[in-house]
Every structure is written in C-alpha cells, then in structure tokens.
Amino acid sequence: MGLELCFKTGEGPYFKQPVQHPHDLERLEASTPIERLEYVWSTIRGVKSEIMGQKPLIGFSASPWTLACYM
C-alpha cells in the first residue's frame, strides 16, 4: 500500500509515516492482492514442488486487523 515498513531491534515493526488522520488514506496505493502478491504464490508453488507431497506445507499470515493496527 506504499507504506515504508521498518523494524527496530527490541521494539518490532513500525511505519515511518503511519496512517494517523483520515486524509492520510489518500496517499495509500490501492491494488488487487493478485497483482501485488504474485511472488508469494510463486514461492508456494516452488516449495510444494520441492517437497513433492512428502511433508505438509503450513503457512501463516497475520489478520487484516493486526496488520492495520501497525498502520
């Protein structure tokens, strides 16, 4: 969405310019997940190909609410 995500040792992730006011929403980039996340699907397909069904593939993503709280 165009926000620069940073990580600070001992504190965790933060955005340099978080969304703090309604007008901040105007600077967010909107796109579909398919356009922005092709690298994720490509990685999953590659890993599945490598493990060839010998082991389960488990993934995790934080909920939209959790991610939005960081914004």
C-alpha atoms as a PDB file:
ATOM      1  CA  MET A   1       0.000   0.000   0.000  1.00  0.00           C
ATOM      2  CA  GLY A   2       3.031   2.211  -0.223  1.00  0.00           C
ATOM      3  CA  LEU A   3       3.880   2.499   3.470  1.00  0.00           C
ATOM      4  CA  GLU A   4       7.538   2.049   4.374  1.00  0.00           C
ATOM      5  CA  LEU A   5       7.812  -0.743   6.961  1.00  0.00           C
ATOM      6  CA  CYS A   6      10.816  -0.664   9.303  1.00  0.00           C
ATOM      7  CA  PHE A   7      11.978  -2.928  12.124  1.00  0.00           C
ATOM      8  CA  LYS A   8      13.588  -1.674  15.331  1.00  0.00           C
ATOM      9  CA  THR A   9      15.501  -4.157  17.495  1.00  0.00           C
ATOM     10  CA  GLY A  10      13.661  -4.801  20.742  1.00  0.00           C
ATOM     11  CA  GLU A  11      10.516  -2.980  19.601  1.00  0.00           C
ATOM     12  CA  GLY A  12       9.318  -4.654  16.409  1.00  0.00           C
ATOM     13  CA  PRO A  13       7.792  -3.318  13.196  1.00  0.00           C
ATOM     14  CA  TYR A  14       6.701   0.259  12.611  1.00  0.00           C
ATOM     15  CA  PHE A  15       5.806   2.543   9.714  1.00  0.00           C
ATOM     16  CA  LYS A  16       7.815   5.742   9.155  1.00  0.00           C
ATOM     17  CA  GLN A  17       4.636   7.575   8.173  1.00  0.00           C
ATOM     18  CA  PRO A  18       1.688   5.735   9.772  1.00  0.00           C
ATOM     19  CA  VAL A  19      -1.941   6.447   8.948  1.00  0.00           C
ATOM     20  CA  GLN A  20      -2.996   8.831  11.719  1.00  0.00           C
ATOM     21  CA  HIS A  21      -5.646  11.041  10.116  1.00  0.00           C
ATOM     22  CA  PRO A  22      -8.392  10.441   7.555  1.00  0.00           C
ATOM     23  CA  HIS A  23      -6.505  12.498   4.944  1.00  0.00           C
ATOM     24  CA  ASP A  24      -3.543  10.069   5.259  1.00  0.00           C
ATOM     25  CA  LEU A  25      -5.681   7.460   3.483  1.00  0.00           C
ATOM     26  CA  GLU A  26      -5.315   9.425   0.237  1.00  0.00           C
ATOM     27  CA  ARG A  27      -1.618   8.532  -0.040  1.00  0.00           C
ATOM     28  CA  LEU A  28      -2.194   4.764   0.173  1.00  0.00           C
ATOM     29  CA  GLU A  29      -1.747   2.775  -3.039  1.00  0.00           C
ATOM     30  CA  ALA A  30      -4.695   0.560  -3.934  1.00  0.00           C
ATOM     31  CA  SER A  31      -4.259  -2.602  -5.977  1.00  0.00           C
ATOM     32  CA  THR A  32      -5.604  -6.123  -6.020  1.00  0.00           C
ATOM     33  CA  PRO A  33      -3.844  -8.804  -3.961  1.00  0.00           C
ATOM     34  CA  ILE A  34      -3.232 -10.870  -7.094  1.00  0.00           C
ATOM     35  CA  GLU A  35      -1.173  -8.047  -8.629  1.00  0.00           C
ATOM     36  CA  ARG A  36       0.894  -7.393  -5.518  1.00  0.00           C
ATOM     37  CA  LEU A  37       1.366 -10.918  -4.186  1.00  0.00           C
ATOM     38  CA  GLU A  38       2.414 -12.982  -7.211  1.00  0.00           C
ATOM     39  CA  TYR A  39       5.807 -13.554  -5.543  1.00  0.00           C
ATOM     40  CA  VAL A  40       4.027 -15.302  -2.656  1.00  0.00           C
ATOM     41  CA  TRP A  41       2.225 -17.735  -4.973  1.00  0.00           C
ATOM     42  CA  SER A  42       5.429 -18.331  -6.900  1.00  0.00           C
ATOM     43  CA  THR A  43       7.263 -19.190  -3.677  1.00  0.00           C
ATOM     44  CA  ILE A  44       4.496 -21.526  -2.503  1.00  0.00           C
ATOM     45  CA  ARG A  45       4.482 -23.346  -5.847  1.00  0.00           C
ATOM     46  CA  GLY A  46       8.286 -23.700  -5.690  1.00  0.00           C
ATOM     47  CA  VAL A  47       8.269 -25.089  -2.153  1.00  0.00           C
ATOM     48  CA  LYS A  48       5.428 -27.508  -2.960  1.00  0.00           C
ATOM     49  CA  SER A  49       7.385 -28.712  -5.965  1.00  0.00           C
ATOM     50  CA  GLU A  50      10.494 -29.304  -3.841  1.00  0.00           C
ATOM     51  CA  ILE A  51       8.769 -31.238  -1.049  1.00  0.00           C
ATOM     52  CA  MET A  52       6.683 -33.256  -3.554  1.00  0.00           C
ATOM     53  CA  GLY A  53       3.961 -34.105  -1.029  1.00  0.00           C
ATOM     54  CA  GLN A  54       6.421 -35.701   1.398  1.00  0.00           C
ATOM     55  CA  LYS A  55       5.673 -33.112   4.078  1.00  0.00           C
ATOM     56  CA  PRO A  56       2.765 -30.762   4.760  1.00  0.00           C
ATOM     57  CA  LEU A  57       3.192 -27.124   3.801  1.00  0.00           C
ATOM     58  CA  ILE A  58       1.915 -24.803   6.525  1.00  0.00           C
ATOM     59  CA  GLY A  59       1.769 -21.018   6.244  1.00  0.00           C
ATOM     60  CA  PHE A  60       0.767 -18.078   8.431  1.00  0.00           C
ATOM     61  CA  SER A  61      -0.328 -14.519   7.822  1.00  0.00           C
ATOM     62  CA  ALA A  62      -1.490 -12.049  10.439  1.00  0.00           C
ATOM     63  CA  SER A  63      -5.103 -10.992  10.213  1.00  0.00           C
ATOM     64  CA  PRO A  64      -6.010  -7.811   8.336  1.00  0.00           C
ATOM     65  CA  TRP A  65      -6.874  -6.207  11.692  1.00  0.00           C
ATOM     66  CA  THR A  66      -3.404  -6.944  13.122  1.00  0.00           C
ATOM     67  CA  LEU A  67      -1.701  -5.518  10.047  1.00  0.00           C
ATOM     68  CA  ALA A  68      -3.958  -2.447  10.066  1.00  0.00           C
ATOM     69  CA  CYS A  69      -3.080  -1.763  13.720  1.00  0.00           C
ATOM     70  CA  TYR A  70       0.551  -1.297  12.700  1.00  0.00           C
ATOM     71  CA  MET A  71      -0.513   1.199  10.042  1.00  0.00           C
END
